[in-house]
Amino acid sequence: MEVVEEVLEQIRRGTPINAIAIIAEKAPEDVKKVVENLFSDPNCVSVLDDEWRNLLLLIYFSHYSYMAEGRDDEQSISNSAVASITAAKLCRRLNVPDLEARFLISGGRAIYKMRMKDRAEKIFKEAEKILKELLKERDDRELKAMLANVMNELAVLYMDMDRKEEAEKYLISALDIRKEINDREGIAESLYNAGTYYMRAKRLDIAESYYKECEKLLWELCEEDEDNLPKLGMLMNNMGVLYRKMSRFDESEKYHREALEIFDRLSKDDEKWKKYVADTLGYIGTMYNDQMMFDDAAKYYDMAKQMYGEIEKKLAEKNE
């Protein structure tokens, strides 16, 4: 039915709430009556036949999946897990595999944040399987982007689980796909993750090459959109740590101070970045400590400690 396809297209765009107007205008009369109460009483769909019931419930759960996405508080993560996995099950009932994969990825991310690693792996692997099957049928940029996303999620998961060979395989696969489709923000993310992987593996020269490529791209992205500055700041700190491990202390200090400048600037508009300022001060302290410049190290450790204390005090006052 045309109305069903229009509703699914709104969900694909991330705007399921707009599907309500489509239902209200074009659906059968019994469905129109029910959709008015969907968000106040989702059980109202029980009077409908299977297809319409599943479609309306998909609008409901996809809305809450999108709403919770990107939030890191405990309640939002839990909401994201429930809404996303339920939306994926509804997509399976409706035979919409691309959206099933999309919500599996969101659900897997939330499950991983809840530290349920084995379950997250199963969810991500199911999404990977669906997307690879779809790409056998058609060459589609959005499907490739989703496949790269789930491969990146698996790479990060395997890094966390210390499954090195699988992590490396998925890191490179995600990067290759993102380069193929010219997903520049995705490329930057994959380069960052690859650099982090090789730094942890103590393959520092390889880590440096990935980080340097990421640095060049992130500067370009920041010129286009300053929302990328936090990513650049985090990269600067990682490069500072890398050069400290390589005993290239001048370069280490240069990158940490660039990170400090970025996070100090960001913290003036949003206090959440003060923690990153404090982290960076601690990194500089460690860099001086490794050079046996203990007075300078103590100075920066004290500055970091003082800032952490201020952050904790404000958080405690906010929670009173």
C-alpha atoms as a PDB file:
ATOM      1  CA  MET A   1       0.000   0.000   0.000  1.00  0.00           C
ATOM      2  CA  GLU A   2       1.194   3.489  -0.856  1.00  0.00           C
ATOM      3  CA  VAL A   3       0.467   4.835   2.633  1.00  0.00           C
ATOM      4  CA  VAL A   4       2.618   2.137   4.220  1.00  0.00           C
ATOM      5  CA  GLU A   5       5.581   3.032   1.999  1.00  0.00           C
ATOM      6  CA  GLU A   6       5.167   6.720   2.858  1.00  0.00           C
ATOM      7  CA  VAL A   7       5.160   5.904   6.564  1.00  0.00           C
ATOM      8  CA  LEU A   8       8.266   3.734   6.239  1.00  0.00           C
ATOM      9  CA  GLU A   9      10.038   6.494   4.318  1.00  0.00           C
ATOM     10  CA  GLN A  10       9.399   8.931   7.166  1.00  0.00           C
ATOM     11  CA  ILE A  11      10.866   6.408   9.597  1.00  0.00           C
ATOM     12  CA  ARG A  12      13.923   5.985   7.359  1.00  0.00           C
ATOM     13  CA  ARG A  13      14.396   9.766   7.434  1.00  0.00           C
ATOM     14  CA  GLY A  14      14.338   9.716  11.233  1.00  0.00           C
ATOM     15  CA  THR A  15      11.004  11.551  11.425  1.00  0.00           C
ATOM     16  CA  PRO A  16       8.432   8.921  12.434  1.00  0.00           C
ATOM     17  CA  ILE A  17       6.296  11.575  14.130  1.00  0.00           C
ATOM     18  CA  ASN A  18       5.532  12.964  10.642  1.00  0.00           C
ATOM     19  CA  ALA A  19       3.998   9.614   9.747  1.00  0.00           C
ATOM     20  CA  ILE A  20       1.063  10.396  12.052  1.00  0.00           C
ATOM     21  CA  ALA A  21      -0.208  13.026   9.592  1.00  0.00           C
ATOM     22  CA  ILE A  22       0.081  10.561   6.709  1.00  0.00           C
ATOM     23  CA  ILE A  23      -1.929   7.962   8.629  1.00  0.00           C
ATOM     24  CA  ALA A  24      -4.528  10.560   9.631  1.00  0.00           C
ATOM     25  CA  GLU A  25      -4.969  11.594   5.999  1.00  0.00           C
ATOM     26  CA  LYS A  26      -4.702   8.375   4.017  1.00  0.00           C
ATOM     27  CA  ALA A  27      -5.331   5.326   6.224  1.00  0.00           C
ATOM     28  CA  PRO A  28      -8.679   3.532   6.613  1.00  0.00           C
ATOM     29  CA  GLU A  29     -11.153   5.153   9.023  1.00  0.00           C
ATOM     30  CA  ASP A  30     -10.650   2.632  11.852  1.00  0.00           C
ATOM     31  CA  VAL A  31      -6.892   3.282  11.745  1.00  0.00           C
ATOM     32  CA  LYS A  32      -7.380   7.068  11.701  1.00  0.00           C
ATOM     33  CA  LYS A  33      -9.406   6.870  14.918  1.00  0.00           C
ATOM     34  CA  VAL A  34      -6.742   4.838  16.688  1.00  0.00           C
ATOM     35  CA  VAL A  35      -3.704   6.875  15.594  1.00  0.00           C
ATOM     36  CA  GLU A  36      -4.992   9.965  17.436  1.00  0.00           C
ATOM     37  CA  ASN A  37      -4.337   8.195  20.747  1.00  0.00           C
ATOM     38  CA  LEU A  38      -1.163   6.315  19.795  1.00  0.00           C
ATOM     39  CA  PHE A  39       1.254   8.203  22.044  1.00  0.00           C
ATOM     40  CA  SER A  40      -1.128   8.610  24.987  1.00  0.00           C
ATOM     41  CA  ASP A  41      -2.283   4.975  24.900  1.00  0.00           C
ATOM     42  CA  PRO A  42      -0.243   2.666  22.639  1.00  0.00           C
ATOM     43  CA  ASN A  43      -2.453  -0.285  23.648  1.00  0.00           C
ATOM     44  CA  CYS A  44      -5.206   1.287  21.543  1.00  0.00           C
ATOM     45  CA  VAL A  45      -3.719  -0.483  18.486  1.00  0.00           C
ATOM     46  CA  SER A  46      -4.943  -3.862  19.787  1.00  0.00           C
ATOM     47  CA  VAL A  47      -8.226  -3.429  17.877  1.00  0.00           C
ATOM     48  CA  LEU A  48      -6.458  -3.298  14.486  1.00  0.00           C
ATOM     49  CA  ASP A  49      -5.358  -6.107  12.204  1.00  0.00           C
ATOM     50  CA  ASP A  50      -1.730  -7.293  12.340  1.00  0.00           C
ATOM     51  CA  GLU A  51      -0.232  -5.091   9.611  1.00  0.00           C
ATOM     52  CA  TRP A  52      -1.712  -1.816  10.821  1.00  0.00           C
ATOM     53  CA  ARG A  53      -1.048  -2.689  14.456  1.00  0.00           C
ATOM     54  CA  ASN A  54       2.607  -3.452  13.714  1.00  0.00           C
ATOM     55  CA  LEU A  55       2.990  -0.324  11.585  1.00  0.00           C
ATOM     56  CA  LEU A  56       1.584   1.987  14.259  1.00  0.00           C
ATOM     57  CA  LEU A  57       3.685   0.336  16.942  1.00  0.00           C
ATOM     58  CA  LEU A  58       6.730   0.812  14.711  1.00  0.00           C
ATOM     59  CA  ILE A  59       5.963   4.551  14.530  1.00  0.00           C
ATOM     60  CA  TYR A  60       5.717   4.596  18.339  1.00  0.00           C
ATOM     61  CA  PHE A  61       8.899   2.651  19.144  1.00  0.00           C
ATOM     62  CA  SER A  62      11.006   4.172  16.353  1.00  0.00           C
ATOM     63  CA  HIS A  63      10.128   7.635  17.677  1.00  0.00           C
ATOM     64  CA  TYR A  64      11.435   6.746  21.133  1.00  0.00           C
ATOM     65  CA  SER A  65      14.476   5.023  19.652  1.00  0.00           C
ATOM     66  CA  TYR A  66      15.431   8.207  17.800  1.00  0.00           C
ATOM     67  CA  MET A  67      14.644  10.331  20.871  1.00  0.00           C
ATOM     68  CA  ALA A  68      17.020   8.347  23.096  1.00  0.00           C
ATOM     69  CA  GLU A  69      19.825   8.073  20.528  1.00  0.00           C
ATOM     70  CA  GLY A  70      23.083   9.750  21.508  1.00  0.00           C
ATOM     71  CA  ARG A  71      22.098  10.307  25.148  1.00  0.00           C
ATOM     72  CA  ASP A  72      24.315   8.744  27.784  1.00  0.00           C
ATOM     73  CA  ASP A  73      22.246   8.891  30.963  1.00  0.00           C
ATOM     74  CA  GLU A  74      21.182   5.511  32.351  1.00  0.00           C
ATOM     75  CA  GLN A  75      17.463   5.957  31.662  1.00  0.00           C
ATOM     76  CA  SER A  76      17.983   7.036  28.039  1.00  0.00           C
ATOM     77  CA  ILE A  77      20.300   4.090  27.364  1.00  0.00           C
ATOM     78  CA  SER A  78      17.717   1.686  28.779  1.00  0.00           C
ATOM     79  CA  ASN A  79      14.948   3.362  26.753  1.00  0.00           C
ATOM     80  CA  SER A  80      17.052   3.145  23.609  1.00  0.00           C
ATOM     81  CA  ALA A  81      17.695  -0.569  24.105  1.00  0.00           C
ATOM     82  CA  VAL A  82      14.016  -1.423  24.608  1.00  0.00           C
ATOM     83  CA  ALA A  83      12.636   0.867  21.886  1.00  0.00           C
ATOM     84  CA  SER A  84      15.264  -0.039  19.285  1.00  0.00           C
ATOM     85  CA  ILE A  85      15.115  -3.811  19.734  1.00  0.00           C
ATOM     86  CA  THR A  86      11.299  -3.719  19.736  1.00  0.00           C
ATOM     87  CA  ALA A  87      11.336  -1.583  16.565  1.00  0.00           C
ATOM     88  CA  ALA A  88      13.697  -4.102  14.928  1.00  0.00           C
ATOM     89  CA  LYS A  89      11.314  -6.979  15.757  1.00  0.00           C
ATOM     90  CA  LEU A  90       8.402  -5.033  14.280  1.00  0.00           C
ATOM     91  CA  CYS A  91      10.429  -4.376  11.115  1.00  0.00           C
ATOM     92  CA  ARG A  92      10.987  -8.119  10.783  1.00  0.00           C
ATOM     93  CA  ARG A  93       7.240  -8.751  11.054  1.00  0.00           C
ATOM     94  CA  LEU A  94       6.631  -6.104   8.393  1.00  0.00           C
ATOM     95  CA  ASN A  95       9.481  -7.438   6.194  1.00  0.00           C
ATOM     96  CA  VAL A  96      11.492  -4.214   6.176  1.00  0.00           C
ATOM     97  CA  PRO A  97      15.077  -5.537   6.524  1.00  0.00           C
ATOM     98  CA  ASP A  98      16.933  -2.241   6.014  1.00  0.00           C
ATOM     99  CA  LEU A  99      15.082  -0.662   8.942  1.00  0.00           C
ATOM    100  CA  GLU A 100      15.480  -3.843  10.973  1.00  0.00           C
ATOM    101  CA  ALA A 101      19.253  -3.545  10.571  1.00  0.00           C
ATOM    102  CA  ARG A 102      19.154   0.155  11.406  1.00  0.00           C
ATOM    103  CA  PHE A 103      17.336  -0.425  14.703  1.00  0.00           C
ATOM    104  CA  LEU A 104      19.470  -3.450  15.552  1.00  0.00           C
ATOM    105  CA  ILE A 105      22.525  -1.187  15.335  1.00  0.00           C
ATOM    106  CA  SER A 106      20.927   1.368  17.673  1.00  0.00           C
ATOM    107  CA  GLY A 107      19.847  -1.361  20.067  1.00  0.00           C
ATOM    108  CA  GLY A 108      23.273  -2.980  19.979  1.00  0.00           C
ATOM    109  CA  ARG A 109      24.929   0.323  20.874  1.00  0.00           C
ATOM    110  CA  ALA A 110      22.647   0.726  23.883  1.00  0.00           C
ATOM    111  CA  ILE A 111      23.158  -2.895  24.985  1.00  0.00           C
ATOM    112  CA  TYR A 112      26.935  -2.413  24.706  1.00  0.00           C
ATOM    113  CA  LYS A 113      26.764   0.727  26.861  1.00  0.00           C
ATOM    114  CA  MET A 114      24.986  -1.458  29.434  1.00  0.00           C
ATOM    115  CA  ARG A 115      28.133  -3.676  29.295  1.00  0.00           C
ATOM    116  CA  MET A 116      26.223  -6.690  27.942  1.00  0.00           C
ATOM    117  CA  LYS A 117      28.987  -7.447  25.454  1.00  0.00           C
ATOM    118  CA  ASP A 118      28.018 -10.941  24.298  1.00  0.00           C
ATOM    119  CA  ARG A 119      24.439  -9.873  23.588  1.00  0.00           C
ATOM    120  CA  ALA A 120      25.631  -6.730  21.799  1.00  0.00           C
ATOM    121  CA  GLU A 121      27.863  -8.858  19.575  1.00  0.00           C
ATOM    122  CA  LYS A 122      24.923 -11.099  18.571  1.00  0.00           C
ATOM    123  CA  ILE A 123      22.800  -8.057  17.730  1.00  0.00           C
ATOM    124  CA  PHE A 124      25.548  -6.414  15.663  1.00  0.00           C
ATOM    125  CA  LYS A 125      26.306  -9.673  13.841  1.00  0.00           C
ATOM    126  CA  GLU A 126      22.625 -10.065  12.927  1.00  0.00           C
ATOM    127  CA  ALA A 127      22.600  -6.515  11.515  1.00  0.00           C
ATOM    128  CA  GLU A 128      25.786  -7.262   9.559  1.00  0.00           C
ATOM    129  CA  LYS A 129      24.215 -10.417   8.090  1.00  0.00           C
ATOM    130  CA  ILE A 130      21.051  -8.571   6.997  1.00  0.00           C
ATOM    131  CA  LEU A 131      23.005  -5.747   5.353  1.00  0.00           C
ATOM    132  CA  LYS A 132      25.343  -8.081   3.472  1.00  0.00           C
ATOM    133  CA  GLU A 133      22.333  -9.982   2.110  1.00  0.00           C
ATOM    134  CA  LEU A 134      20.680  -6.739   0.983  1.00  0.00           C
ATOM    135  CA  LEU A 135      23.873  -5.570  -0.735  1.00  0.00           C
ATOM    136  CA  LYS A 136      23.918  -8.778  -2.785  1.00  0.00           C
ATOM    137  CA  GLU A 137      20.602  -7.635  -4.252  1.00  0.00           C
ATOM    138  CA  ARG A 138      21.393  -3.955  -4.845  1.00  0.00           C
ATOM    139  CA  ASP A 139      24.317  -1.537  -4.705  1.00  0.00           C
ATOM    140  CA  ASP A 140      23.138   1.156  -2.289  1.00  0.00           C
ATOM    141  CA  ARG A 141      25.199   3.871  -0.583  1.00  0.00           C
ATOM    142  CA  GLU A 142      22.990   4.030   2.524  1.00  0.00           C
ATOM    143  CA  LEU A 143      23.209   0.273   3.037  1.00  0.00           C
ATOM    144  CA  LYS A 144      27.002   0.448   2.682  1.00  0.00           C
ATOM    145  CA  ALA A 145      27.120   3.274   5.218  1.00  0.00           C
ATOM    146  CA  MET A 146      25.100   1.191   7.677  1.00  0.00           C
ATOM    147  CA  LEU A 147      27.340  -1.833   7.068  1.00  0.00           C
ATOM    148  CA  ALA A 148      30.401   0.302   7.777  1.00  0.00           C
ATOM    149  CA  ASN A 149      28.724   1.569  10.960  1.00  0.00           C
ATOM    150  CA  VAL A 150      28.017  -1.909  12.282  1.00  0.00           C
ATOM    151  CA  MET A 151      31.532  -3.068  11.370  1.00  0.00           C
ATOM    152  CA  ASN A 152      32.920  -0.096  13.279  1.00  0.00           C
ATOM    153  CA  GLU A 153      30.753  -1.011  16.290  1.00  0.00           C
ATOM    154  CA  LEU A 154      32.026  -4.588  16.152  1.00  0.00           C
ATOM    155  CA  ALA A 155      35.619  -3.361  15.904  1.00  0.00           C
ATOM    156  CA  VAL A 156      35.220  -1.226  19.036  1.00  0.00           C
ATOM    157  CA  LEU A 157      33.505  -4.120  20.827  1.00  0.00           C
ATOM    158  CA  TYR A 158      36.277  -6.555  19.913  1.00  0.00           C
ATOM    159  CA  MET A 159      38.920  -4.045  21.031  1.00  0.00           C
ATOM    160  CA  ASP A 160      37.150  -3.909  24.386  1.00  0.00           C
ATOM    161  CA  MET A 161      36.991  -7.719  24.524  1.00  0.00           C
ATOM    162  CA  ASP A 162      40.705  -7.974  23.596  1.00  0.00           C
ATOM    163  CA  ARG A 163      39.890 -10.007  20.486  1.00  0.00           C
ATOM    164  CA  LYS A 164      42.674  -8.382  18.502  1.00  0.00           C
ATOM    165  CA  GLU A 165      42.479 -10.153  15.137  1.00  0.00           C
ATOM    166  CA  GLU A 166      38.730  -9.609  14.818  1.00  0.00           C
ATOM    167  CA  ALA A 167      39.066  -5.986  15.895  1.00  0.00           C
ATOM    168  CA  GLU A 168      41.725  -5.294  13.257  1.00  0.00           C
ATOM    169  CA  LYS A 169      39.696  -7.055  10.539  1.00  0.00           C
ATOM    170  CA  TYR A 170      36.577  -5.014  11.224  1.00  0.00           C
ATOM    171  CA  LEU A 171      38.480  -1.733  11.611  1.00  0.00           C
ATOM    172  CA  ILE A 172      40.025  -2.083   8.159  1.00  0.00           C
ATOM    173  CA  SER A 173      36.765  -3.288   6.572  1.00  0.00           C
ATOM    174  CA  ALA A 174      34.808  -0.325   7.971  1.00  0.00           C
ATOM    175  CA  LEU A 175      37.494   2.113   6.813  1.00  0.00           C
ATOM    176  CA  ASP A 176      37.571   0.626   3.299  1.00  0.00           C
ATOM    177  CA  ILE A 177      33.795   0.952   2.886  1.00  0.00           C
ATOM    178  CA  ARG A 178      33.762   4.507   4.222  1.00  0.00           C
ATOM    179  CA  LYS A 179      36.506   5.487   1.786  1.00  0.00           C
ATOM    180  CA  GLU A 180      34.595   3.825  -1.065  1.00  0.00           C
ATOM    181  CA  ILE A 181      31.459   5.905  -0.365  1.00  0.00           C
ATOM    182  CA  ASN A 182      33.445   9.029   0.653  1.00  0.00           C
ATOM    183  CA  ASP A 183      31.886   9.254   4.121  1.00  0.00           C
ATOM    184  CA  ARG A 184      34.391  11.795   5.445  1.00  0.00           C
ATOM    185  CA  GLU A 185      33.156  11.889   9.051  1.00  0.00           C
ATOM    186  CA  GLY A 186      33.020   8.095   9.045  1.00  0.00           C
ATOM    187  CA  ILE A 187      36.548   7.930   7.602  1.00  0.00           C
ATOM    188  CA  ALA A 188      37.780  10.199  10.418  1.00  0.00           C
ATOM    189  CA  GLU A 189      36.111   7.960  13.010  1.00  0.00           C
ATOM    190  CA  SER A 190      37.660   4.804  11.514  1.00  0.00           C
ATOM    191  CA  LEU A 191      41.110   6.396  11.286  1.00  0.00           C
ATOM    192  CA  TYR A 192      40.836   7.467  14.937  1.00  0.00           C
ATOM    193  CA  ASN A 193      39.791   3.979  16.029  1.00  0.00           C
ATOM    194  CA  ALA A 194      42.546   2.348  13.982  1.00  0.00           C
ATOM    195  CA  GLY A 195      45.151   4.646  15.524  1.00  0.00           C
ATOM    196  CA  THR A 196      43.858   3.797  18.995  1.00  0.00           C
ATOM    197  CA  TYR A 197      43.923   0.071  18.212  1.00  0.00           C
ATOM    198  CA  TYR A 198      47.526   0.136  16.991  1.00  0.00           C
ATOM    199  CA  MET A 199      48.645   2.320  19.901  1.00  0.00           C
ATOM    200  CA  ARG A 200      47.198  -0.190  22.356  1.00  0.00           C
ATOM    201  CA  ALA A 201      48.901  -2.971  20.383  1.00  0.00           C
ATOM    202  CA  LYS A 202      52.210  -1.046  20.804  1.00  0.00           C
ATOM    203  CA  ARG A 203      52.585  -0.738  17.023  1.00  0.00           C
ATOM    204  CA  LEU A 204      53.281   2.940  17.417  1.00  0.00           C
ATOM    205  CA  ASP A 205      54.536   3.811  13.935  1.00  0.00           C
ATOM    206  CA  ILE A 206      51.347   2.417  12.380  1.00  0.00           C
ATOM    207  CA  ALA A 207      49.247   4.231  14.987  1.00  0.00           C
ATOM    208  CA  GLU A 208      50.988   7.493  14.103  1.00  0.00           C
ATOM    209  CA  SER A 209      50.209   7.132  10.396  1.00  0.00           C
ATOM    210  CA  TYR A 210      46.485   6.629  11.085  1.00  0.00           C
ATOM    211  CA  TYR A 211      46.365   9.478  13.591  1.00  0.00           C
ATOM    212  CA  LYS A 212      48.148  11.869  11.214  1.00  0.00           C
ATOM    213  CA  GLU A 213      45.701  11.067   8.406  1.00  0.00           C
ATOM    214  CA  CYS A 214      42.819  11.552  10.850  1.00  0.00           C
ATOM    215  CA  GLU A 215      44.270  14.873  12.027  1.00  0.00           C
ATOM    216  CA  LYS A 216      44.408  16.263   8.486  1.00  0.00           C
ATOM    217  CA  LEU A 217      40.814  15.247   7.787  1.00  0.00           C
ATOM    218  CA  LEU A 218      39.456  16.528  11.110  1.00  0.00           C
ATOM    219  CA  TRP A 219      41.004  19.968  10.594  1.00  0.00           C
ATOM    220  CA  GLU A 220      39.209  20.119   7.226  1.00  0.00           C
ATOM    221  CA  LEU A 221      35.933  19.013   8.820  1.00  0.00           C
ATOM    222  CA  CYS A 222      36.310  21.589  11.615  1.00  0.00           C
ATOM    223  CA  GLU A 223      36.686  24.363   9.047  1.00  0.00           C
ATOM    224  CA  GLU A 224      33.310  23.273   7.623  1.00  0.00           C
ATOM    225  CA  ASP A 225      31.573  22.607  10.949  1.00  0.00           C
ATOM    226  CA  GLU A 226      32.915  23.460  14.408  1.00  0.00           C
ATOM    227  CA  ASP A 227      30.787  20.692  15.916  1.00  0.00           C
ATOM    228  CA  ASN A 228      33.756  18.479  15.003  1.00  0.00           C
ATOM    229  CA  LEU A 229      36.047  20.313  17.461  1.00  0.00           C
ATOM    230  CA  PRO A 230      35.501  17.846  20.344  1.00  0.00           C
ATOM    231  CA  LYS A 231      36.644  14.979  18.105  1.00  0.00           C
ATOM    232  CA  LEU A 232      39.733  16.970  17.156  1.00  0.00           C
ATOM    233  CA  GLY A 233      40.473  17.699  20.820  1.00  0.00           C
ATOM    234  CA  MET A 234      40.242  14.025  21.709  1.00  0.00           C
ATOM    235  CA  LEU A 235      42.532  13.148  18.819  1.00  0.00           C
ATOM    236  CA  MET A 236      45.059  15.778  19.930  1.00  0.00           C
ATOM    237  CA  ASN A 237      45.217  14.190  23.388  1.00  0.00           C
ATOM    238  CA  ASN A 238      45.615  10.698  21.938  1.00  0.00           C
ATOM    239  CA  MET A 239      48.445  11.938  19.728  1.00  0.00           C
ATOM    240  CA  GLY A 240      50.026  13.546  22.774  1.00  0.00           C
ATOM    241  CA  VAL A 241      49.896  10.200  24.593  1.00  0.00           C
ATOM    242  CA  LEU A 242      51.298   8.428  21.517  1.00  0.00           C
ATOM    243  CA  TYR A 243      54.299  10.770  21.245  1.00  0.00           C
ATOM    244  CA  ARG A 244      54.910  10.468  24.991  1.00  0.00           C
ATOM    245  CA  LYS A 245      55.094   6.686  24.562  1.00  0.00           C
ATOM    246  CA  MET A 246      57.560   7.274  21.703  1.00  0.00           C
ATOM    247  CA  SER A 247      59.606   9.652  23.967  1.00  0.00           C
ATOM    248  CA  ARG A 248      58.982  12.474  21.473  1.00  0.00           C
ATOM    249  CA  PHE A 249      58.132  14.885  24.230  1.00  0.00           C
ATOM    250  CA  ASP A 250      58.151  18.147  22.268  1.00  0.00           C
ATOM    251  CA  GLU A 251      55.488  16.763  19.949  1.00  0.00           C
ATOM    252  CA  SER A 252      53.591  15.285  22.889  1.00  0.00           C
ATOM    253  CA  GLU A 253      53.421  18.677  24.598  1.00  0.00           C
ATOM    254  CA  LYS A 254      52.403  20.424  21.365  1.00  0.00           C
ATOM    255  CA  TYR A 255      49.402  18.140  20.872  1.00  0.00           C
ATOM    256  CA  HIS A 256      48.294  18.197  24.496  1.00  0.00           C
ATOM    257  CA  ARG A 257      48.409  22.006  24.515  1.00  0.00           C
ATOM    258  CA  GLU A 258      46.341  22.128  21.324  1.00  0.00           C
ATOM    259  CA  ALA A 259      43.810  19.838  23.027  1.00  0.00           C
ATOM    260  CA  LEU A 260      43.858  22.090  26.099  1.00  0.00           C
ATOM    261  CA  GLU A 261      43.125  25.133  23.947  1.00  0.00           C
ATOM    262  CA  ILE A 262      40.212  23.369  22.225  1.00  0.00           C
ATOM    263  CA  PHE A 263      38.588  22.076  25.418  1.00  0.00           C
ATOM    264  CA  ASP A 264      39.161  25.341  27.270  1.00  0.00           C
ATOM    265  CA  ARG A 265      37.346  27.157  24.467  1.00  0.00           C
ATOM    266  CA  LEU A 266      34.502  24.618  24.418  1.00  0.00           C
ATOM    267  CA  SER A 267      34.113  24.746  28.213  1.00  0.00           C
ATOM    268  CA  LYS A 268      33.328  28.463  28.075  1.00  0.00           C
ATOM    269  CA  ASP A 269      30.069  27.608  26.255  1.00  0.00           C
ATOM    270  CA  ASP A 270      29.317  24.275  27.930  1.00  0.00           C
ATOM    271  CA  GLU A 271      30.683  23.233  31.329  1.00  0.00           C
ATOM    272  CA  LYS A 272      30.623  19.531  30.454  1.00  0.00           C
ATOM    273  CA  TRP A 273      33.929  20.081  28.620  1.00  0.00           C
ATOM    274  CA  LYS A 274      35.674  21.122  31.850  1.00  0.00           C
ATOM    275  CA  LYS A 275      36.262  17.443  32.602  1.00  0.00           C
ATOM    276  CA  TYR A 276      38.219  17.219  29.353  1.00  0.00           C
ATOM    277  CA  VAL A 277      40.242  20.266  30.378  1.00  0.00           C
ATOM    278  CA  ALA A 278      41.067  18.496  33.643  1.00  0.00           C
ATOM    279  CA  ASP A 279      41.941  15.277  31.786  1.00  0.00           C
ATOM    280  CA  THR A 280      44.298  17.207  29.512  1.00  0.00           C
ATOM    281  CA  LEU A 281      46.027  18.864  32.453  1.00  0.00           C
ATOM    282  CA  GLY A 282      46.585  15.376  33.864  1.00  0.00           C
ATOM    283  CA  TYR A 283      48.065  14.189  30.553  1.00  0.00           C
ATOM    284  CA  ILE A 284      50.502  17.124  30.577  1.00  0.00           C
ATOM    285  CA  GLY A 285      51.440  16.232  34.146  1.00  0.00           C
ATOM    286  CA  THR A 286      52.207  12.654  33.103  1.00  0.00           C
ATOM    287  CA  MET A 287      54.268  13.882  30.154  1.00  0.00           C
ATOM    288  CA  TYR A 288      56.428  15.981  32.517  1.00  0.00           C
ATOM    289  CA  ASN A 289      56.624  13.111  34.986  1.00  0.00           C
ATOM    290  CA  ASP A 290      58.012  10.810  32.277  1.00  0.00           C
ATOM    291  CA  GLN A 291      60.757  13.382  31.663  1.00  0.00           C
ATOM    292  CA  MET A 292      61.505  13.473  35.416  1.00  0.00           C
ATOM    293  CA  MET A 293      60.421  17.132  35.521  1.00  0.00           C
ATOM    294  CA  PHE A 294      58.669  16.484  38.804  1.00  0.00           C
ATOM    295  CA  ASP A 295      57.944  20.067  39.847  1.00  0.00           C
ATOM    296  CA  ASP A 296      56.171  20.767  36.557  1.00  0.00           C
ATOM    297  CA  ALA A 297      54.364  17.429  36.789  1.00  0.00           C
ATOM    298  CA  ALA A 298      53.113  18.231  40.301  1.00  0.00           C
ATOM    299  CA  LYS A 299      51.905  21.661  39.154  1.00  0.00           C
ATOM    300  CA  TYR A 300      49.714  20.182  36.400  1.00  0.00           C
ATOM    301  CA  TYR A 301      48.508  17.303  38.562  1.00  0.00           C
ATOM    302  CA  ASP A 302      47.407  19.854  41.178  1.00  0.00           C
ATOM    303  CA  MET A 303      45.598  21.923  38.550  1.00  0.00           C
ATOM    304  CA  ALA A 304      43.791  18.824  37.320  1.00  0.00           C
ATOM    305  CA  LYS A 305      42.899  17.769  40.865  1.00  0.00           C
ATOM    306  CA  GLN A 306      41.518  21.215  41.674  1.00  0.00           C
ATOM    307  CA  MET A 307      39.381  21.234  38.533  1.00  0.00           C
ATOM    308  CA  TYR A 308      38.023  17.728  39.211  1.00  0.00           C
ATOM    309  CA  GLY A 309      37.109  18.930  42.698  1.00  0.00           C
ATOM    310  CA  GLU A 310      35.212  21.924  41.309  1.00  0.00           C
ATOM    311  CA  ILE A 311      33.344  19.684  38.861  1.00  0.00           C
ATOM    312  CA  GLU A 312      32.340  17.252  41.629  1.00  0.00           C
ATOM    313  CA  LYS A 313      31.211  20.120  43.876  1.00  0.00           C
ATOM    314  CA  LYS A 314      28.963  21.588  41.170  1.00  0.00           C
ATOM    315  CA  LEU A 315      27.549  18.156  40.389  1.00  0.00           C
ATOM    316  CA  ALA A 316      26.761  17.566  44.057  1.00  0.00           C
ATOM    317  CA  GLU A 317      25.032  20.970  44.318  1.00  0.00           C
ATOM    318  CA  LYS A 318      22.980  20.217  41.222  1.00  0.00           C
ATOM    319  CA  ASN A 319      21.818  16.897  42.694  1.00  0.00           C
ATOM    320  CA  GLU A 320      20.778  18.366  46.045  1.00  0.00           C
END
